[in-house]
Structure formats: structure tokens, C-alpha cells
Amino acid sequence: MSLLDDLLKKGSLHTPCGTMAKRAALKAKLTNSGATEVVSGDLKLSEGDDRVLEASRVVVKGNLVLEDQSRLLVAGDLEVEGSIIHEGFDYALLFTGGALSAKNLLFHGELVSLGPITVQEVAWTYYNDYSTYADALKARIVVADDRFDAVDDVRADHRLDGHSSVIGPELAKLLRADVVSQDGSWSYEDVAKRLLRKRPLLR
């Protein structure tokens, strides 16, 4: 049984991945197959779908979509040419043993990357049920709506942390009017639908 299979047995990865030192120790033990896997379109994990990919590099040519109660663990790097989307109110897990990259990120569940996270446009996590664990995150806009993310180094043109009622007005200046209204309100379901259709968020 692989280390990733062992991680699947855990209800949360907070304990093994909650600090930089713990992530480094885990990464030192992690192995991969050395292969590259390419998904030609979207990759969608339905409810109850637990998937372990032992490849050193996984490339998703479309969007990566996780439904509630789904888990994806990748031993190496994960490159998503579209957006990473988990819109829901229950647990989901995305774990990468290497670097993680995408055009946009919208995530409610638990997100763990043992390498840096690079998002071209908007990295948006929300609600404090779960957290993000990574050494570094880089994006044009980083949004943490009512959520504490344990990321040691965050680099962004704009970083918004706090309750939606506080960050909403500033976010409305950065994103399109049909994403965030002038009064700073939005629907995560609508944001997810927009990303699924590959429509932009930024003004």
C-alpha cells in the first residue's frame, strides 16, 4: 500500500501537513512512478470518488472539478490548464506531492500541496470548515473568504482575507460586475458555473 493510500484513510490532513516541517518530512517519503499522465479534457470526480494517481506529472487539459465527498491525490505535479473547482459545503480533498498550477482556483474543501501553488488569475478559497496547506501560493488575486489558510508565503497583486461583508466591496472593484455585484455580493454556485464555462472573472 502506498503512502497516498495511507493518507486516504485519514479524515483530514491537518496533522500530517499542518506545518512546513511536516510537509517536508512527508515529501521526503513520497515516491512516484516517474510517468506523465495526460487527461485530454475535463477531469471530474463525483461524490464518493477517491482517486490516487502515482504519476510524477499529471496534466489536465480542461477543468478539474471535485464534487463533495470526493478526493484526488497526486504523487507528483498537477497542471490544470483550466480551473480547479470545488463548489459545495461538504468535504473534498485535493492533494499534490509536487507543484500545483491552474488558471483559476475556487475551493471550499481541504487543499494540500507539498510544492508551490501557482494560479494565473484568481485563487479563491472559502469558509472555515477546512484549510489550505502549502509553503507558497502565487496568484494575481488571492481571496480567503471567512477562512484561515496555512500558507507560509503568499504573493499576489491583491490579497483579500476576511468575511465576505468586509472584502466584498474591494472584490467588486477587481472582478466583473456579473461575478461580484456593486454591493459586494456573489453566489459561489454562479462563480463555479462561470468557471465551468471558461468565462473570465477578472475585469
N, C-alpha and C. Protein backbone atom coordinates (compact mmCIF):
# COMPACT_ATOMS: atom_id res chain seq x y z
N MET A 1 0.85 -1.20 0.00
CA MET A 1 0.00 0.00 0.00
C MET A 1 0.88 1.25 0.00
N SER A 2 0.55 2.22 -0.85
CA SER A 2 1.38 3.41 -0.99
C SER A 2 1.08 4.42 0.12
N LEU A 3 1.95 5.40 0.23
CA LEU A 3 1.75 6.47 1.21
C LEU A 3 0.46 7.23 0.92
N LEU A 4 0.15 7.41 -0.36
CA LEU A 4 -1.09 8.11 -0.71
C LEU A 4 -2.32 7.32 -0.25
N ASP A 5 -2.26 6.01 -0.36
CA ASP A 5 -3.36 5.18 0.14
C ASP A 5 -3.51 5.33 1.65
N ASP A 6 -2.39 5.46 2.35
CA ASP A 6 -2.45 5.68 3.79
C ASP A 6 -3.11 7.02 4.11
N LEU A 7 -2.80 8.05 3.32
CA LEU A 7 -3.40 9.36 3.54
C LEU A 7 -4.91 9.33 3.33
N LEU A 8 -5.36 8.47 2.43
CA LEU A 8 -6.79 8.35 2.17
C LEU A 8 -7.57 7.86 3.39
N LYS A 9 -6.88 7.18 4.29
CA LYS A 9 -7.55 6.66 5.49
C LYS A 9 -7.85 7.76 6.51
N LYS A 10 -7.22 8.91 6.34
CA LYS A 10 -7.35 9.98 7.32
C LYS A 10 -8.56 10.86 6.99
N GLY A 11 -9.24 11.29 8.04
CA GLY A 11 -10.39 12.17 7.84
C GLY A 11 -10.00 13.57 7.44
N SER A 12 -8.77 13.98 7.81
CA SER A 12 -8.23 15.29 7.46
C SER A 12 -6.72 15.17 7.42
N LEU A 13 -6.08 16.02 6.61
CA LEU A 13 -4.62 16.01 6.52
C LEU A 13 -3.99 17.12 7.36
N HIS A 14 -4.75 17.69 8.27
CA HIS A 14 -4.21 18.75 9.12
C HIS A 14 -3.00 18.27 9.92
N THR A 15 -3.09 17.10 10.52
CA THR A 15 -2.00 16.62 11.37
C THR A 15 -0.72 16.33 10.58
N PRO A 16 -0.76 15.58 9.47
CA PRO A 16 0.49 15.30 8.75
C PRO A 16 0.98 16.45 7.87
N CYS A 17 0.15 17.47 7.62
CA CYS A 17 0.52 18.51 6.65
C CYS A 17 0.37 19.93 7.19
N GLY A 18 0.12 20.08 8.47
CA GLY A 18 -0.23 21.39 9.01
C GLY A 18 0.91 22.39 9.12
N THR A 19 2.17 21.93 9.05
CA THR A 19 3.30 22.84 9.13
C THR A 19 4.27 22.58 7.99
N MET A 20 5.15 23.55 7.74
CA MET A 20 6.15 23.39 6.68
C MET A 20 7.05 22.19 6.96
N ALA A 21 7.45 22.01 8.21
CA ALA A 21 8.33 20.90 8.57
C ALA A 21 7.65 19.55 8.33
N LYS A 22 6.38 19.45 8.67
CA LYS A 22 5.65 18.20 8.46
C LYS A 22 5.47 17.92 6.97
N ARG A 23 5.22 18.96 6.19
CA ARG A 23 5.08 18.75 4.74
C ARG A 23 6.40 18.30 4.13
N ALA A 24 7.50 18.88 4.59
CA ALA A 24 8.82 18.49 4.08
C ALA A 24 9.13 17.03 4.43
N ALA A 25 8.78 16.62 5.64
CA ALA A 25 9.01 15.24 6.05
C ALA A 25 8.18 14.27 5.23
N LEU A 26 6.94 14.66 4.95
CA LEU A 26 6.07 13.81 4.14
C LEU A 26 6.59 13.71 2.71
N LYS A 27 7.03 14.84 2.17
CA LYS A 27 7.53 14.85 0.79
C LYS A 27 8.77 13.97 0.65
N ALA A 28 9.60 13.92 1.68
CA ALA A 28 10.81 13.10 1.64
C ALA A 28 10.49 11.61 1.54
N LYS A 29 9.33 11.22 2.02
CA LYS A 29 8.93 9.81 1.99
C LYS A 29 8.15 9.44 0.73
N LEU A 30 7.67 10.44 0.03
CA LEU A 30 6.75 10.20 -1.09
C LEU A 30 7.51 9.79 -2.35
N THR A 31 7.01 8.78 -3.03
CA THR A 31 7.59 8.34 -4.29
C THR A 31 6.53 8.42 -5.39
N ASN A 32 6.98 8.43 -6.64
CA ASN A 32 6.04 8.43 -7.76
C ASN A 32 6.54 7.48 -8.84
N SER A 33 5.72 7.26 -9.84
CA SER A 33 6.03 6.26 -10.87
C SER A 33 7.02 6.76 -11.91
N GLY A 34 7.23 8.08 -11.96
CA GLY A 34 8.10 8.64 -12.99
C GLY A 34 7.39 8.90 -14.31
N ALA A 35 6.13 8.51 -14.39
CA ALA A 35 5.37 8.66 -15.64
C ALA A 35 4.62 9.98 -15.67
N THR A 36 4.18 10.35 -16.88
CA THR A 36 3.31 11.51 -17.08
C THR A 36 1.95 11.03 -17.56
N GLU A 37 0.90 11.52 -16.93
CA GLU A 37 -0.46 11.19 -17.35
C GLU A 37 -1.13 12.46 -17.87
N VAL A 38 -1.80 12.34 -19.01
CA VAL A 38 -2.47 13.49 -19.62
C VAL A 38 -3.96 13.18 -19.75
N VAL A 39 -4.79 14.08 -19.23
CA VAL A 39 -6.24 13.99 -19.38
C VAL A 39 -6.63 14.97 -20.47
N SER A 40 -7.21 14.48 -21.55
CA SER A 40 -7.40 15.30 -22.75
C SER A 40 -8.45 16.39 -22.59
N GLY A 41 -9.39 16.23 -21.67
CA GLY A 41 -10.42 17.25 -21.46
C GLY A 41 -10.57 17.56 -19.99
N ASP A 42 -11.82 17.72 -19.54
CA ASP A 42 -12.08 17.95 -18.12
C ASP A 42 -11.89 16.66 -17.33
N LEU A 43 -11.52 16.81 -16.07
CA LEU A 43 -11.47 15.69 -15.14
C LEU A 43 -12.44 16.00 -14.01
N LYS A 44 -13.46 15.15 -13.86
CA LYS A 44 -14.48 15.38 -12.84
C LYS A 44 -14.54 14.19 -11.90
N LEU A 45 -14.49 14.48 -10.60
CA LEU A 45 -14.64 13.45 -9.58
C LEU A 45 -16.01 13.62 -8.94
N SER A 46 -16.83 12.58 -9.04
CA SER A 46 -18.17 12.61 -8.49
C SER A 46 -18.15 12.29 -7.00
N GLU A 47 -19.26 12.48 -6.35
CA GLU A 47 -19.37 12.20 -4.92
C GLU A 47 -18.94 10.77 -4.61
N GLY A 48 -18.05 10.62 -3.63
CA GLY A 48 -17.58 9.31 -3.23
C GLY A 48 -16.42 8.77 -4.06
N ASP A 49 -15.95 9.55 -5.02
CA ASP A 49 -14.86 9.12 -5.90
C ASP A 49 -13.52 9.44 -5.25
N ASP A 50 -12.78 8.42 -4.86
CA ASP A 50 -11.43 8.57 -4.33
C ASP A 50 -10.45 8.10 -5.40
N ARG A 51 -9.54 8.99 -5.80
CA ARG A 51 -8.64 8.64 -6.89
C ARG A 51 -7.20 8.96 -6.50
N VAL A 52 -6.32 7.97 -6.71
CA VAL A 52 -4.90 8.12 -6.43
C VAL A 52 -4.14 7.99 -7.73
N LEU A 53 -3.34 9.00 -8.06
CA LEU A 53 -2.52 8.98 -9.27
C LEU A 53 -1.06 9.01 -8.85
N GLU A 54 -0.34 7.95 -9.16
CA GLU A 54 1.05 7.81 -8.71
C GLU A 54 2.05 8.46 -9.67
N ALA A 55 1.57 9.13 -10.71
CA ALA A 55 2.45 9.72 -11.73
C ALA A 55 3.28 10.86 -11.15
N SER A 56 4.42 11.11 -11.79
CA SER A 56 5.25 12.23 -11.38
C SER A 56 4.70 13.55 -11.91
N ARG A 57 3.86 13.46 -12.96
CA ARG A 57 3.27 14.67 -13.55
C ARG A 57 1.92 14.31 -14.15
N VAL A 58 0.90 15.07 -13.77
CA VAL A 58 -0.44 14.89 -14.32
C VAL A 58 -0.86 16.21 -14.96
N VAL A 59 -1.29 16.14 -16.21
CA VAL A 59 -1.72 17.32 -16.95
C VAL A 59 -3.19 17.17 -17.30
N VAL A 60 -4.00 18.13 -16.88
CA VAL A 60 -5.43 18.14 -17.21
C VAL A 60 -5.65 19.27 -18.21
N LYS A 61 -6.06 18.92 -19.41
CA LYS A 61 -6.20 19.91 -20.48
C LYS A 61 -7.41 20.82 -20.31
N GLY A 62 -8.36 20.40 -19.49
CA GLY A 62 -9.55 21.21 -19.24
C GLY A 62 -9.63 21.63 -17.79
N ASN A 63 -10.84 21.59 -17.23
CA ASN A 63 -11.06 21.91 -15.82
C ASN A 63 -10.92 20.66 -14.96
N LEU A 64 -10.58 20.88 -13.70
CA LEU A 64 -10.62 19.83 -12.68
C LEU A 64 -11.76 20.17 -11.73
N VAL A 65 -12.75 19.28 -11.65
CA VAL A 65 -13.94 19.53 -10.84
C VAL A 65 -14.08 18.44 -9.80
N LEU A 66 -14.17 18.84 -8.54
CA LEU A 66 -14.39 17.89 -7.45
C LEU A 66 -15.75 18.17 -6.83
N GLU A 67 -16.57 17.15 -6.74
CA GLU A 67 -17.83 17.27 -6.02
C GLU A 67 -17.60 16.97 -4.54
N ASP A 68 -18.59 17.30 -3.70
CA ASP A 68 -18.49 16.98 -2.28
C ASP A 68 -18.19 15.50 -2.09
N GLN A 69 -17.38 15.21 -1.06
CA GLN A 69 -17.02 13.85 -0.70
C GLN A 69 -16.25 13.13 -1.81
N SER A 70 -15.43 13.89 -2.54
CA SER A 70 -14.51 13.28 -3.49
C SER A 70 -13.09 13.67 -3.10
N ARG A 71 -12.12 12.82 -3.47
CA ARG A 71 -10.73 13.07 -3.09
C ARG A 71 -9.80 12.67 -4.23
N LEU A 72 -8.88 13.57 -4.54
CA LEU A 72 -7.88 13.31 -5.56
C LEU A 72 -6.50 13.53 -4.95
N LEU A 73 -5.66 12.50 -5.03
CA LEU A 73 -4.30 12.58 -4.52
C LEU A 73 -3.34 12.27 -5.66
N VAL A 74 -2.41 13.18 -5.91
CA VAL A 74 -1.44 13.05 -6.98
C VAL A 74 -0.04 13.01 -6.36
N ALA A 75 0.76 12.02 -6.74
CA ALA A 75 2.08 11.87 -6.13
C ALA A 75 3.03 12.99 -6.52
N GLY A 76 2.90 13.48 -7.75
CA GLY A 76 3.82 14.50 -8.24
C GLY A 76 3.14 15.81 -8.54
N ASP A 77 3.54 16.44 -9.65
CA ASP A 77 2.99 17.74 -10.03
C ASP A 77 1.62 17.57 -10.69
N LEU A 78 0.77 18.55 -10.49
CA LEU A 78 -0.54 18.59 -11.14
C LEU A 78 -0.68 19.92 -11.87
N GLU A 79 -0.85 19.84 -13.19
CA GLU A 79 -1.01 21.03 -14.02
C GLU A 79 -2.40 21.01 -14.63
N VAL A 80 -3.21 22.00 -14.28
CA VAL A 80 -4.57 22.10 -14.80
C VAL A 80 -4.63 23.32 -15.71
N GLU A 81 -4.89 23.08 -16.99
CA GLU A 81 -4.89 24.19 -17.95
C GLU A 81 -6.13 25.06 -17.82
N GLY A 82 -7.19 24.50 -17.27
CA GLY A 82 -8.39 25.27 -16.97
C GLY A 82 -8.41 25.66 -15.50
N SER A 83 -9.57 25.54 -14.88
CA SER A 83 -9.74 25.93 -13.48
C SER A 83 -9.94 24.71 -12.58
N ILE A 84 -9.58 24.87 -11.32
CA ILE A 84 -9.85 23.87 -10.30
C ILE A 84 -11.07 24.34 -9.52
N ILE A 85 -12.09 23.48 -9.45
CA ILE A 85 -13.38 23.91 -8.90
C ILE A 85 -13.90 22.89 -7.90
N HIS A 86 -14.10 23.32 -6.66
CA HIS A 86 -14.92 22.57 -5.71
C HIS A 86 -15.89 23.57 -5.09
N GLU A 87 -17.12 23.50 -5.53
CA GLU A 87 -18.17 24.39 -5.02
C GLU A 87 -19.15 23.52 -4.25
N GLY A 88 -19.16 23.68 -2.93
CA GLY A 88 -20.04 22.85 -2.12
C GLY A 88 -19.93 23.24 -0.67
N PHE A 89 -20.51 22.42 0.20
CA PHE A 89 -20.49 22.70 1.63
C PHE A 89 -20.09 21.47 2.43
N ASP A 90 -19.48 20.51 1.77
CA ASP A 90 -19.03 19.30 2.44
C ASP A 90 -17.56 19.09 2.10
N TYR A 91 -16.99 18.02 2.64
CA TYR A 91 -15.57 17.78 2.48
C TYR A 91 -15.21 17.32 1.07
N ALA A 92 -14.11 17.83 0.58
CA ALA A 92 -13.43 17.31 -0.61
C ALA A 92 -11.95 17.53 -0.37
N LEU A 93 -11.12 16.75 -1.03
CA LEU A 93 -9.68 16.85 -0.82
C LEU A 93 -8.95 16.86 -2.16
N LEU A 94 -8.03 17.81 -2.29
CA LEU A 94 -7.07 17.80 -3.39
C LEU A 94 -5.68 17.84 -2.78
N PHE A 95 -4.87 16.82 -3.09
CA PHE A 95 -3.52 16.71 -2.56
C PHE A 95 -2.55 16.53 -3.71
N THR A 96 -1.45 17.29 -3.69
CA THR A 96 -0.39 17.08 -4.67
C THR A 96 0.94 16.95 -3.93
N GLY A 97 1.73 15.96 -4.34
CA GLY A 97 3.04 15.78 -3.75
C GLY A 97 4.08 16.71 -4.34
N GLY A 98 3.73 17.37 -5.45
CA GLY A 98 4.62 18.32 -6.09
C GLY A 98 3.92 19.66 -6.26
N ALA A 99 4.25 20.35 -7.33
CA ALA A 99 3.68 21.67 -7.59
C ALA A 99 2.26 21.54 -8.13
N LEU A 100 1.48 22.58 -7.88
CA LEU A 100 0.09 22.65 -8.36
C LEU A 100 -0.09 23.94 -9.13
N SER A 101 -0.67 23.85 -10.33
CA SER A 101 -0.90 25.06 -11.12
C SER A 101 -2.25 24.98 -11.83
N ALA A 102 -2.86 26.15 -12.04
CA ALA A 102 -4.15 26.24 -12.71
C ALA A 102 -4.38 27.67 -13.17
N LYS A 103 -5.39 27.86 -14.01
CA LYS A 103 -5.74 29.21 -14.43
C LYS A 103 -6.48 29.94 -13.32
N ASN A 104 -7.49 29.28 -12.73
CA ASN A 104 -8.22 29.80 -11.58
C ASN A 104 -8.42 28.67 -10.58
N LEU A 105 -8.69 29.06 -9.34
CA LEU A 105 -8.95 28.10 -8.28
C LEU A 105 -10.12 28.59 -7.45
N LEU A 106 -11.15 27.75 -7.33
CA LEU A 106 -12.28 28.02 -6.43
C LEU A 106 -12.46 26.77 -5.58
N PHE A 107 -12.22 26.90 -4.26
CA PHE A 107 -12.16 25.68 -3.45
C PHE A 107 -12.71 25.91 -2.05
N HIS A 108 -13.61 24.99 -1.65
CA HIS A 108 -14.16 25.02 -0.30
C HIS A 108 -13.51 23.96 0.59
N GLY A 109 -13.10 22.85 0.01
CA GLY A 109 -12.60 21.72 0.79
C GLY A 109 -11.16 21.90 1.23
N GLU A 110 -10.52 20.77 1.54
CA GLU A 110 -9.15 20.77 2.03
C GLU A 110 -8.19 20.67 0.84
N LEU A 111 -7.22 21.57 0.83
CA LEU A 111 -6.27 21.66 -0.27
C LEU A 111 -4.86 21.56 0.30
N VAL A 112 -4.09 20.58 -0.19
CA VAL A 112 -2.73 20.37 0.30
C VAL A 112 -1.80 20.25 -0.89
N SER A 113 -0.73 21.04 -0.88
CA SER A 113 0.28 20.94 -1.93
C SER A 113 1.66 20.94 -1.27
N LEU A 114 2.44 19.90 -1.55
CA LEU A 114 3.79 19.82 -1.00
C LEU A 114 4.78 20.63 -1.82
N GLY A 115 4.32 21.14 -2.95
CA GLY A 115 5.09 22.07 -3.76
C GLY A 115 4.35 23.39 -3.84
N PRO A 116 4.88 24.36 -4.57
CA PRO A 116 4.22 25.66 -4.67
C PRO A 116 2.91 25.59 -5.46
N ILE A 117 1.99 26.48 -5.12
CA ILE A 117 0.74 26.63 -5.86
C ILE A 117 0.84 27.89 -6.70
N THR A 118 0.61 27.75 -8.00
CA THR A 118 0.66 28.89 -8.91
C THR A 118 -0.66 28.98 -9.67
N VAL A 119 -1.34 30.10 -9.52
CA VAL A 119 -2.63 30.32 -10.18
C VAL A 119 -2.50 31.58 -11.04
N GLN A 120 -2.85 31.47 -12.30
CA GLN A 120 -2.65 32.58 -13.23
C GLN A 120 -3.50 33.80 -12.87
N GLU A 121 -4.73 33.55 -12.43
CA GLU A 121 -5.64 34.68 -12.19
C GLU A 121 -6.11 34.72 -10.74
N VAL A 122 -7.20 34.04 -10.41
CA VAL A 122 -7.81 34.16 -9.08
C VAL A 122 -7.72 32.85 -8.30
N ALA A 123 -7.15 32.91 -7.10
CA ALA A 123 -7.14 31.78 -6.17
C ALA A 123 -8.12 32.12 -5.05
N TRP A 124 -9.24 31.40 -4.99
CA TRP A 124 -10.36 31.79 -4.14
C TRP A 124 -10.77 30.59 -3.28
N THR A 125 -10.54 30.69 -1.98
CA THR A 125 -10.97 29.66 -1.04
C THR A 125 -12.00 30.27 -0.10
N TYR A 126 -12.87 29.41 0.44
CA TYR A 126 -13.93 29.99 1.26
C TYR A 126 -14.44 29.06 2.35
N TYR A 127 -14.81 29.70 3.45
CA TYR A 127 -15.41 29.13 4.66
C TYR A 127 -14.40 28.31 5.46
N ASN A 128 -14.57 28.38 6.78
CA ASN A 128 -13.53 27.88 7.68
C ASN A 128 -13.71 26.43 8.10
N ASP A 129 -14.50 25.67 7.36
CA ASP A 129 -14.64 24.24 7.67
C ASP A 129 -13.31 23.51 7.44
N TYR A 130 -12.55 23.96 6.43
CA TYR A 130 -11.31 23.29 6.05
C TYR A 130 -10.25 24.35 5.77
N SER A 131 -9.06 23.90 5.35
CA SER A 131 -7.98 24.85 5.15
C SER A 131 -7.12 24.45 3.96
N THR A 132 -6.19 25.33 3.63
CA THR A 132 -5.19 25.08 2.59
C THR A 132 -3.83 25.00 3.27
N TYR A 133 -3.05 23.98 2.91
CA TYR A 133 -1.72 23.80 3.48
C TYR A 133 -0.70 23.76 2.34
N ALA A 134 0.18 24.75 2.32
CA ALA A 134 1.21 24.83 1.29
C ALA A 134 2.30 25.79 1.74
N ASP A 135 3.49 25.61 1.17
CA ASP A 135 4.59 26.52 1.50
C ASP A 135 4.43 27.87 0.80
N ALA A 136 3.90 27.84 -0.44
CA ALA A 136 3.84 29.07 -1.23
C ALA A 136 2.63 29.07 -2.14
N LEU A 137 2.06 30.26 -2.32
CA LEU A 137 0.93 30.47 -3.22
C LEU A 137 1.15 31.78 -3.96
N LYS A 138 1.02 31.71 -5.29
CA LYS A 138 1.17 32.90 -6.11
C LYS A 138 -0.02 33.01 -7.05
N ALA A 139 -0.64 34.19 -7.10
CA ALA A 139 -1.77 34.45 -7.99
C ALA A 139 -1.91 35.95 -8.16
N ARG A 140 -2.66 36.36 -9.18
CA ARG A 140 -2.92 37.79 -9.33
C ARG A 140 -3.81 38.29 -8.18
N ILE A 141 -4.85 37.50 -7.86
CA ILE A 141 -5.73 37.83 -6.75
C ILE A 141 -5.88 36.60 -5.87
N VAL A 142 -5.68 36.78 -4.57
CA VAL A 142 -5.88 35.71 -3.59
C VAL A 142 -7.01 36.12 -2.66
N VAL A 143 -8.04 35.29 -2.59
CA VAL A 143 -9.21 35.56 -1.75
C VAL A 143 -9.39 34.41 -0.76
N ALA A 144 -9.48 34.74 0.52
CA ALA A 144 -9.82 33.76 1.55
C ALA A 144 -11.04 34.31 2.29
N ASP A 145 -12.21 33.81 1.93
CA ASP A 145 -13.47 34.30 2.47
C ASP A 145 -13.81 33.53 3.74
N ASP A 146 -13.66 34.20 4.89
CA ASP A 146 -14.00 33.61 6.18
C ASP A 146 -13.29 32.27 6.37
N ARG A 147 -12.00 32.26 6.07
CA ARG A 147 -11.24 31.00 6.08
C ARG A 147 -9.79 31.30 6.45
N PHE A 148 -9.21 30.42 7.27
CA PHE A 148 -7.79 30.53 7.60
C PHE A 148 -7.02 29.51 6.78
N ASP A 149 -6.17 29.99 5.89
CA ASP A 149 -5.33 29.12 5.07
C ASP A 149 -3.90 29.16 5.59
N ALA A 150 -3.33 27.98 5.83
CA ALA A 150 -1.98 27.88 6.38
C ALA A 150 -0.96 27.82 5.23
N VAL A 151 -0.75 28.97 4.61
CA VAL A 151 0.21 29.10 3.52
C VAL A 151 1.30 30.06 3.98
N ASP A 152 2.55 29.61 3.93
CA ASP A 152 3.63 30.39 4.53
C ASP A 152 3.99 31.63 3.72
N ASP A 153 3.97 31.53 2.39
CA ASP A 153 4.39 32.64 1.55
C ASP A 153 3.33 32.89 0.48
N VAL A 154 2.62 34.00 0.59
CA VAL A 154 1.57 34.35 -0.37
C VAL A 154 2.01 35.58 -1.15
N ARG A 155 2.00 35.46 -2.47
CA ARG A 155 2.38 36.57 -3.33
C ARG A 155 1.26 36.85 -4.31
N ALA A 156 0.74 38.07 -4.26
CA ALA A 156 -0.40 38.42 -5.10
C ALA A 156 -0.43 39.93 -5.30
N ASP A 157 -1.00 40.35 -6.43
CA ASP A 157 -1.22 41.78 -6.64
C ASP A 157 -2.26 42.30 -5.65
N HIS A 158 -3.24 41.44 -5.35
CA HIS A 158 -4.29 41.80 -4.39
C HIS A 158 -4.57 40.59 -3.52
N ARG A 159 -4.58 40.80 -2.21
CA ARG A 159 -4.88 39.71 -1.26
C ARG A 159 -6.01 40.17 -0.35
N LEU A 160 -7.09 39.41 -0.35
CA LEU A 160 -8.26 39.77 0.45
C LEU A 160 -8.58 38.63 1.41
N ASP A 161 -8.47 38.92 2.70
CA ASP A 161 -8.77 37.95 3.76
C ASP A 161 -9.86 38.53 4.65
N GLY A 162 -10.85 37.71 4.98
CA GLY A 162 -11.87 38.17 5.90
C GLY A 162 -13.25 37.73 5.48
N HIS A 163 -14.23 38.20 6.22
CA HIS A 163 -15.62 37.86 5.92
C HIS A 163 -16.06 38.54 4.63
N SER A 164 -16.97 37.91 3.92
CA SER A 164 -17.43 38.45 2.63
C SER A 164 -17.98 39.86 2.77
N SER A 165 -18.58 40.17 3.91
CA SER A 165 -19.13 41.51 4.10
C SER A 165 -18.04 42.58 4.16
N VAL A 166 -16.83 42.16 4.51
CA VAL A 166 -15.70 43.09 4.61
C VAL A 166 -14.94 43.18 3.29
N ILE A 167 -14.69 42.04 2.67
CA ILE A 167 -13.86 42.03 1.46
C ILE A 167 -14.67 42.26 0.19
N GLY A 168 -16.00 42.13 0.28
CA GLY A 168 -16.86 42.22 -0.90
C GLY A 168 -16.70 43.50 -1.70
N PRO A 169 -16.75 44.68 -1.07
CA PRO A 169 -16.64 45.93 -1.83
C PRO A 169 -15.33 46.05 -2.61
N GLU A 170 -14.23 45.60 -2.02
CA GLU A 170 -12.94 45.65 -2.72
C GLU A 170 -12.90 44.63 -3.85
N LEU A 171 -13.48 43.46 -3.60
CA LEU A 171 -13.50 42.42 -4.63
C LEU A 171 -14.34 42.86 -5.83
N ALA A 172 -15.38 43.63 -5.57
CA ALA A 172 -16.24 44.13 -6.65
C ALA A 172 -15.46 45.03 -7.62
N LYS A 173 -14.41 45.67 -7.13
CA LYS A 173 -13.59 46.54 -7.99
C LYS A 173 -12.67 45.73 -8.90
N LEU A 174 -12.39 44.48 -8.51
CA LEU A 174 -11.41 43.67 -9.22
C LEU A 174 -12.03 42.68 -10.19
N LEU A 175 -13.23 42.20 -9.85
CA LEU A 175 -13.87 41.18 -10.67
C LEU A 175 -15.03 41.79 -11.47
N ARG A 176 -15.44 41.08 -12.50
CA ARG A 176 -16.50 41.56 -13.38
C ARG A 176 -17.81 41.76 -12.62
N ALA A 177 -18.60 42.70 -13.10
CA ALA A 177 -19.84 43.07 -12.41
C ALA A 177 -20.83 41.92 -12.36
N ASP A 178 -20.77 41.00 -13.32
CA ASP A 178 -21.68 39.85 -13.28
C ASP A 178 -21.12 38.70 -12.46
N VAL A 179 -19.95 38.91 -11.83
CA VAL A 179 -19.39 37.94 -10.88
C VAL A 179 -19.66 38.43 -9.45
N VAL A 180 -19.24 39.65 -9.18
CA VAL A 180 -19.48 40.29 -7.88
C VAL A 180 -20.24 41.58 -8.14
N SER A 181 -21.40 41.72 -7.52
CA SER A 181 -22.22 42.90 -7.75
C SER A 181 -21.60 44.13 -7.10
N GLN A 182 -22.14 45.27 -7.42
CA GLN A 182 -21.59 46.53 -6.94
C GLN A 182 -21.61 46.62 -5.41
N ASP A 183 -22.58 45.96 -4.78
CA ASP A 183 -22.66 45.99 -3.32
C ASP A 183 -21.76 44.95 -2.66
N GLY A 184 -21.00 44.21 -3.48
CA GLY A 184 -20.03 43.25 -2.94
C GLY A 184 -20.59 41.89 -2.63
N SER A 185 -21.67 41.50 -3.25
CA SER A 185 -22.26 40.18 -3.01
C SER A 185 -22.05 39.27 -4.22
N TRP A 186 -22.09 37.96 -3.96
CA TRP A 186 -21.91 36.99 -5.03
C TRP A 186 -22.49 35.65 -4.61
N SER A 187 -22.59 34.76 -5.57
CA SER A 187 -23.05 33.39 -5.34
C SER A 187 -21.94 32.45 -5.78
N TYR A 188 -21.51 31.55 -4.89
CA TYR A 188 -20.45 30.61 -5.26
C TYR A 188 -20.91 29.65 -6.35
N GLU A 189 -22.18 29.33 -6.35
CA GLU A 189 -22.71 28.48 -7.41
C GLU A 189 -22.55 29.16 -8.77
N ASP A 190 -22.83 30.46 -8.82
CA ASP A 190 -22.69 31.20 -10.07
C ASP A 190 -21.23 31.35 -10.48
N VAL A 191 -20.34 31.57 -9.51
CA VAL A 191 -18.91 31.67 -9.83
C VAL A 191 -18.42 30.35 -10.41
N ALA A 192 -18.83 29.24 -9.81
CA ALA A 192 -18.42 27.93 -10.30
C ALA A 192 -18.94 27.69 -11.72
N LYS A 193 -20.19 28.04 -11.97
CA LYS A 193 -20.76 27.86 -13.31
C LYS A 193 -19.98 28.67 -14.34
N ARG A 194 -19.58 29.86 -13.95
CA ARG A 194 -18.82 30.71 -14.86
C ARG A 194 -17.48 30.07 -15.21
N LEU A 195 -16.81 29.54 -14.20
CA LEU A 195 -15.52 28.89 -14.44
C LEU A 195 -15.68 27.63 -15.28
N LEU A 196 -16.76 26.88 -15.05
CA LEU A 196 -17.01 25.69 -15.85
C LEU A 196 -17.17 26.03 -17.33
N ARG A 197 -17.73 27.21 -17.59
CA ARG A 197 -17.92 27.65 -18.97
C ARG A 197 -16.68 28.35 -19.53
N LYS A 198 -15.62 28.40 -18.69
CA LYS A 198 -14.35 29.01 -19.08
C LYS A 198 -14.50 30.50 -19.39
N ARG A 199 -15.37 31.15 -18.62
CA ARG A 199 -15.56 32.59 -18.75
C ARG A 199 -14.70 33.31 -17.71
N PRO A 200 -14.17 34.48 -18.02
CA PRO A 200 -13.23 35.16 -17.12
C PRO A 200 -13.91 35.74 -15.89
N LEU A 201 -13.12 35.86 -14.82
CA LEU A 201 -13.57 36.50 -13.59
C LEU A 201 -13.06 37.94 -13.50
N LEU A 202 -11.86 38.17 -13.99
CA LEU A 202 -11.22 39.47 -13.84
C LEU A 202 -11.83 40.51 -14.77
N ARG A 203 -11.80 41.74 -14.30
CA ARG A 203 -12.24 42.85 -15.16
C ARG A 203 -11.26 43.03 -16.31
